[in-house]
Structures are given as structure tokens and as C-alpha cells.
Amino acid sequence: MALLDTLKAYLDDNAVRYELIKHPTAYTAPSLAHAEHVSGWNHAKVVMLKSDDGTIMAVLPANCRVDLQKLGATLKKPLRLATEEEFKSLFPDCATGTMPPFGHFYDLPVYVDASLTKSDFIVFQVGTHEDAMKMSYADFERLERPAVTRFSILPPKTQAA
């Protein structure tokens, strides 16, 4: 619960409006969006990536996946998905896989897919499999100052024919 308290204090100090959402336990981004009653385009999922020189946080809509080649080309370095073993110790205040998109709390660079910037609001996990937060994307961007680029793709089964 320390993360939730820290995040709430940070947002309150910066005069950001937010809503806390309690939902049934969910583990995948699409099931989280469903449990939170939001579109997959508004649920901001966090994917941890590794390069030769460290770990980065990629934030994108729940119904998309990271195009590692595209983001790697943008960053001019090869990327791969980080394993849970590689990143879980970076987030001691979060259940594995439930970190919020605020990388600056953990000294991690944050890259946001440009498609997420079109959302009026985002919803994201806040340290547990049952807690989420809703806030405006504009406030998130103002506070986090992520690098914005295009790196998401729809999974094959959801791409238009």
C-alpha cells in the first residue's frame, strides 16, 4: 500500500485529479481493462524491456503489443522483453507486473506509444492486481515527461482484415 500512498501524495501535491478504482483480481491487460470498465485504448499497460545498457519502461494501450524492432530502431539499440526475474526487484512496493507508468519513481526511462496520447484519460495499475487509478493523460504527460514515439502494434488476431 506504500506505493498507492506515495502516488496519491505526489498527485495531490501537483493538484492532479484522479480516481481510484477497485476491481476483481485480474492479471492480463485485456482482463484488467474489462474489470475496470474501460476500453483497451485507455488502459495504459506497462511492459518492461531490456537493452545492453539497462531496463526501460514502455507504456502502451492494453490491446496492443510492443514492436521491439520499431522501438529498438528508434532508440538505436536492440531490445527484448525483460523477464519477471529481471525486473521484479526494481519494484519492491508492487506485486509483480502491477507497476504504474511512473518510471521516475524507480529511476527508469519511460517511453509512451503515441497512440496513447490521443486518450483523454488513462487507467493503470497501482501496485496490486485489484487496484487501479484513472487520471487525465495530459496530467500524466506533464508530470512524467515520457519520451513519446510509435512502437505499438495490434496482435494478429485483432488487426483489421
C-alpha atoms as a PDB file:
ATOM      1  CA  MET A   1       0.000   0.000   0.000  1.00  0.00           C
ATOM      2  CA  ALA A   2       3.023   2.289   0.321  1.00  0.00           C
ATOM      3  CA  LEU A   3       3.078   2.854  -3.443  1.00  0.00           C
ATOM      4  CA  LEU A   4      -0.559   3.922  -3.515  1.00  0.00           C
ATOM      5  CA  ASP A   5       0.020   6.373  -0.660  1.00  0.00           C
ATOM      6  CA  THR A   6       3.154   7.745  -2.348  1.00  0.00           C
ATOM      7  CA  LEU A   7       1.401   8.150  -5.674  1.00  0.00           C
ATOM      8  CA  LYS A   8      -1.671   9.805  -4.125  1.00  0.00           C
ATOM      9  CA  ALA A   9       0.535  12.270  -2.213  1.00  0.00           C
ATOM     10  CA  TYR A  10       2.500  13.055  -5.389  1.00  0.00           C
ATOM     11  CA  LEU A  11      -0.652  13.701  -7.401  1.00  0.00           C
ATOM     12  CA  ASP A  12      -2.239  15.731  -4.597  1.00  0.00           C
ATOM     13  CA  ASP A  13       0.922  17.854  -4.303  1.00  0.00           C
ATOM     14  CA  ASN A  14       0.699  18.534  -8.046  1.00  0.00           C
ATOM     15  CA  ALA A  15      -3.035  19.336  -7.978  1.00  0.00           C
ATOM     16  CA  VAL A  16      -3.918  16.369 -10.202  1.00  0.00           C
ATOM     17  CA  ARG A  17      -7.417  14.942 -10.162  1.00  0.00           C
ATOM     18  CA  TYR A  18      -7.578  11.170 -10.134  1.00  0.00           C
ATOM     19  CA  GLU A  19      -9.967   8.361  -9.335  1.00  0.00           C
ATOM     20  CA  LEU A  20      -9.095   5.157  -7.512  1.00  0.00           C
ATOM     21  CA  ILE A  21     -10.686   2.023  -8.925  1.00  0.00           C
ATOM     22  CA  LYS A  22     -11.079  -1.245  -7.024  1.00  0.00           C
ATOM     23  CA  HIS A  23     -11.708  -4.211  -9.298  1.00  0.00           C
ATOM     24  CA  PRO A  24     -11.763  -8.009  -9.173  1.00  0.00           C
ATOM     25  CA  THR A  25      -8.349  -9.650  -9.347  1.00  0.00           C
ATOM     26  CA  ALA A  26      -7.048  -9.572 -12.911  1.00  0.00           C
ATOM     27  CA  TYR A  27      -3.676 -10.443 -14.396  1.00  0.00           C
ATOM     28  CA  THR A  28      -3.712  -9.644 -18.122  1.00  0.00           C
ATOM     29  CA  ALA A  29      -4.061  -6.207 -19.671  1.00  0.00           C
ATOM     30  CA  PRO A  30      -7.276  -7.041 -21.590  1.00  0.00           C
ATOM     31  CA  SER A  31      -8.883  -8.566 -18.488  1.00  0.00           C
ATOM     32  CA  LEU A  32      -7.814  -5.517 -16.467  1.00  0.00           C
ATOM     33  CA  ALA A  33      -9.431  -3.164 -18.972  1.00  0.00           C
ATOM     34  CA  HIS A  34     -12.607  -5.248 -18.813  1.00  0.00           C
ATOM     35  CA  ALA A  35     -12.571  -5.323 -14.976  1.00  0.00           C
ATOM     36  CA  GLU A  36     -12.002  -1.558 -14.892  1.00  0.00           C
ATOM     37  CA  HIS A  37     -14.826  -0.979 -17.413  1.00  0.00           C
ATOM     38  CA  VAL A  38     -12.591   0.955 -19.802  1.00  0.00           C
ATOM     39  CA  SER A  39     -11.544   0.490 -23.400  1.00  0.00           C
ATOM     40  CA  GLY A  40      -8.234  -1.232 -24.034  1.00  0.00           C
ATOM     41  CA  TRP A  41      -7.192   2.042 -25.679  1.00  0.00           C
ATOM     42  CA  ASN A  42      -7.433   3.778 -22.278  1.00  0.00           C
ATOM     43  CA  HIS A  43      -5.795   1.133 -20.105  1.00  0.00           C
ATOM     44  CA  ALA A  44      -2.089   2.023 -20.026  1.00  0.00           C
ATOM     45  CA  LYS A  45      -0.147  -1.205 -19.664  1.00  0.00           C
ATOM     46  CA  VAL A  46       3.480  -1.216 -18.648  1.00  0.00           C
ATOM     47  CA  VAL A  47       5.909  -3.538 -20.417  1.00  0.00           C
ATOM     48  CA  MET A  48       9.454  -3.845 -19.149  1.00  0.00           C
ATOM     49  CA  LEU A  49      12.209  -4.069 -21.752  1.00  0.00           C
ATOM     50  CA  LYS A  50      15.930  -4.776 -21.574  1.00  0.00           C
ATOM     51  CA  SER A  51      18.797  -3.477 -23.640  1.00  0.00           C
ATOM     52  CA  ASP A  52      22.527  -3.992 -23.234  1.00  0.00           C
ATOM     53  CA  ASP A  53      22.682  -0.855 -21.097  1.00  0.00           C
ATOM     54  CA  GLY A  54      19.665  -1.274 -18.826  1.00  0.00           C
ATOM     55  CA  THR A  55      15.939  -1.532 -18.329  1.00  0.00           C
ATOM     56  CA  ILE A  56      13.258   0.714 -19.793  1.00  0.00           C
ATOM     57  CA  MET A  57       9.540   1.080 -19.232  1.00  0.00           C
ATOM     58  CA  ALA A  58       7.270   1.017 -22.287  1.00  0.00           C
ATOM     59  CA  VAL A  59       3.683   2.228 -21.832  1.00  0.00           C
ATOM     60  CA  LEU A  60       1.029   1.431 -24.415  1.00  0.00           C
ATOM     61  CA  PRO A  61      -2.673   0.620 -24.775  1.00  0.00           C
ATOM     62  CA  ALA A  62      -3.758  -2.716 -23.297  1.00  0.00           C
ATOM     63  CA  ASN A  63      -4.984  -4.060 -26.631  1.00  0.00           C
ATOM     64  CA  CYS A  64      -1.594  -3.571 -28.322  1.00  0.00           C
ATOM     65  CA  ARG A  65       1.830  -5.116 -28.067  1.00  0.00           C
ATOM     66  CA  VAL A  66       5.328  -3.685 -28.315  1.00  0.00           C
ATOM     67  CA  ASP A  67       7.048  -3.806 -31.701  1.00  0.00           C
ATOM     68  CA  LEU A  68      10.560  -4.431 -30.360  1.00  0.00           C
ATOM     69  CA  GLN A  69      12.230  -3.805 -33.710  1.00  0.00           C
ATOM     70  CA  LYS A  70      10.498  -0.460 -34.204  1.00  0.00           C
ATOM     71  CA  LEU A  71      11.294   0.842 -30.711  1.00  0.00           C
ATOM     72  CA  GLY A  72      14.802  -0.613 -30.883  1.00  0.00           C
ATOM     73  CA  ALA A  73      15.413   1.206 -34.190  1.00  0.00           C
ATOM     74  CA  THR A  74      14.183   4.461 -32.635  1.00  0.00           C
ATOM     75  CA  LEU A  75      16.482   4.022 -29.634  1.00  0.00           C
ATOM     76  CA  LYS A  76      19.304   2.712 -31.826  1.00  0.00           C
ATOM     77  CA  LYS A  77      19.786  -0.408 -29.712  1.00  0.00           C
ATOM     78  CA  PRO A  78      18.416  -3.930 -29.661  1.00  0.00           C
ATOM     79  CA  LEU A  79      15.615  -4.562 -27.175  1.00  0.00           C
ATOM     80  CA  ARG A  80      13.956  -7.621 -25.714  1.00  0.00           C
ATOM     81  CA  LEU A  81      11.199  -8.258 -23.203  1.00  0.00           C
ATOM     82  CA  ALA A  82      12.523  -8.351 -19.653  1.00  0.00           C
ATOM     83  CA  THR A  83      11.728 -11.438 -17.629  1.00  0.00           C
ATOM     84  CA  GLU A  84       9.858 -11.097 -14.337  1.00  0.00           C
ATOM     85  CA  GLU A  85      13.034 -12.209 -12.556  1.00  0.00           C
ATOM     86  CA  GLU A  86      14.923  -9.341 -14.188  1.00  0.00           C
ATOM     87  CA  PHE A  87      12.519  -6.584 -13.182  1.00  0.00           C
ATOM     88  CA  LYS A  88      10.550  -7.581 -10.090  1.00  0.00           C
ATOM     89  CA  SER A  89      13.265  -6.384  -7.683  1.00  0.00           C
ATOM     90  CA  LEU A  90      13.091  -2.913  -9.269  1.00  0.00           C
ATOM     91  CA  PHE A  91       9.548  -2.556  -7.879  1.00  0.00           C
ATOM     92  CA  PRO A  92       9.672  -3.690  -4.237  1.00  0.00           C
ATOM     93  CA  ASP A  93       6.390  -1.899  -3.497  1.00  0.00           C
ATOM     94  CA  CYS A  94       4.430  -3.663  -6.274  1.00  0.00           C
ATOM     95  CA  ALA A  95       3.101  -7.126  -6.887  1.00  0.00           C
ATOM     96  CA  THR A  96       4.931  -8.493  -9.921  1.00  0.00           C
ATOM     97  CA  GLY A  97       3.603  -6.908 -13.089  1.00  0.00           C
ATOM     98  CA  THR A  98       1.493  -4.204 -11.413  1.00  0.00           C
ATOM     99  CA  MET A  99       3.823  -1.221 -11.612  1.00  0.00           C
ATOM    100  CA  PRO A 100       2.359   2.155 -12.543  1.00  0.00           C
ATOM    101  CA  PRO A 101       3.697   4.049 -15.590  1.00  0.00           C
ATOM    102  CA  PHE A 102       5.666   6.466 -13.401  1.00  0.00           C
ATOM    103  CA  GLY A 103       9.210   5.337 -14.122  1.00  0.00           C
ATOM    104  CA  HIS A 104      10.752   8.338 -12.402  1.00  0.00           C
ATOM    105  CA  PHE A 105       9.787   6.776  -9.032  1.00  0.00           C
ATOM    106  CA  TYR A 106      12.174   3.940  -9.944  1.00  0.00           C
ATOM    107  CA  ASP A 107      14.863   5.831 -11.924  1.00  0.00           C
ATOM    108  CA  LEU A 108      13.690   4.257 -15.185  1.00  0.00           C
ATOM    109  CA  PRO A 109      13.225   5.945 -18.562  1.00  0.00           C
ATOM    110  CA  VAL A 110       9.629   5.855 -19.815  1.00  0.00           C
ATOM    111  CA  TYR A 111       8.565   5.552 -23.454  1.00  0.00           C
ATOM    112  CA  VAL A 112       4.899   6.052 -24.308  1.00  0.00           C
ATOM    113  CA  ASP A 113       3.356   4.908 -27.551  1.00  0.00           C
ATOM    114  CA  ALA A 114       1.941   7.873 -29.472  1.00  0.00           C
ATOM    115  CA  SER A 115      -1.473   6.188 -29.765  1.00  0.00           C
ATOM    116  CA  LEU A 116      -1.963   6.567 -26.009  1.00  0.00           C
ATOM    117  CA  THR A 117      -1.550  10.347 -26.244  1.00  0.00           C
ATOM    118  CA  LYS A 118      -4.888  10.556 -28.067  1.00  0.00           C
ATOM    119  CA  SER A 119      -6.710   9.389 -24.930  1.00  0.00           C
ATOM    120  CA  ASP A 120      -8.414  11.931 -22.703  1.00  0.00           C
ATOM    121  CA  PHE A 121      -7.658   9.678 -19.748  1.00  0.00           C
ATOM    122  CA  ILE A 122      -5.650   6.617 -18.858  1.00  0.00           C
ATOM    123  CA  VAL A 123      -6.207   3.880 -16.292  1.00  0.00           C
ATOM    124  CA  PHE A 124      -3.287   1.923 -14.884  1.00  0.00           C
ATOM    125  CA  GLN A 125      -2.411  -0.469 -12.098  1.00  0.00           C
ATOM    126  CA  VAL A 126      -1.037   0.861  -8.838  1.00  0.00           C
ATOM    127  CA  GLY A 127       0.890  -1.945  -7.205  1.00  0.00           C
ATOM    128  CA  THR A 128      -1.735  -4.685  -6.825  1.00  0.00           C
ATOM    129  CA  HIS A 129      -3.873  -6.889  -9.022  1.00  0.00           C
ATOM    130  CA  GLU A 130      -7.024  -5.234  -7.603  1.00  0.00           C
ATOM    131  CA  ASP A 131      -6.202  -1.510  -7.585  1.00  0.00           C
ATOM    132  CA  ALA A 132      -6.104   0.936 -10.473  1.00  0.00           C
ATOM    133  CA  MET A 133      -6.055   4.679 -10.950  1.00  0.00           C
ATOM    134  CA  LYS A 134      -7.684   6.881 -13.564  1.00  0.00           C
ATOM    135  CA  MET A 135      -6.278  10.285 -14.470  1.00  0.00           C
ATOM    136  CA  SER A 136      -6.038  12.527 -17.498  1.00  0.00           C
ATOM    137  CA  TYR A 137      -3.357  11.637 -19.992  1.00  0.00           C
ATOM    138  CA  ALA A 138      -2.348  15.300 -20.147  1.00  0.00           C
ATOM    139  CA  ASP A 139      -1.613  15.340 -16.405  1.00  0.00           C
ATOM    140  CA  PHE A 140       0.358  12.105 -16.673  1.00  0.00           C
ATOM    141  CA  GLU A 141       2.451  13.523 -19.522  1.00  0.00           C
ATOM    142  CA  ARG A 142       3.014  16.808 -17.673  1.00  0.00           C
ATOM    143  CA  LEU A 143       4.292  15.023 -14.566  1.00  0.00           C
ATOM    144  CA  GLU A 144       6.198  12.100 -16.073  1.00  0.00           C
ATOM    145  CA  ARG A 145       7.519  13.762 -19.241  1.00  0.00           C
ATOM    146  CA  PRO A 146       7.897  10.464 -21.086  1.00  0.00           C
ATOM    147  CA  ALA A 147       9.523  10.108 -24.479  1.00  0.00           C
ATOM    148  CA  VAL A 148       6.671   9.701 -26.978  1.00  0.00           C
ATOM    149  CA  THR A 149       7.177   7.601 -30.081  1.00  0.00           C
ATOM    150  CA  ARG A 150       5.350   4.989 -32.156  1.00  0.00           C
ATOM    151  CA  PHE A 151       6.069   1.392 -31.198  1.00  0.00           C
ATOM    152  CA  SER A 152       2.783  -0.465 -30.670  1.00  0.00           C
ATOM    153  CA  ILE A 153       1.085  -2.924 -32.974  1.00  0.00           C
ATOM    154  CA  LEU A 154      -2.179  -4.795 -32.731  1.00  0.00           C
ATOM    155  CA  PRO A 155      -1.863  -8.538 -32.146  1.00  0.00           C
ATOM    156  CA  PRO A 156      -2.574 -10.503 -35.366  1.00  0.00           C
ATOM    157  CA  LYS A 157      -5.997 -11.736 -34.252  1.00  0.00           C
ATOM    158  CA  THR A 158      -7.316  -8.159 -33.754  1.00  0.00           C
ATOM    159  CA  GLN A 159      -5.851  -6.499 -36.847  1.00  0.00           C
ATOM    160  CA  ALA A 160      -8.361  -5.400 -39.459  1.00  0.00           C
ATOM    161  CA  ALA A 161      -8.618  -7.677 -42.479  1.00  0.00           C
END
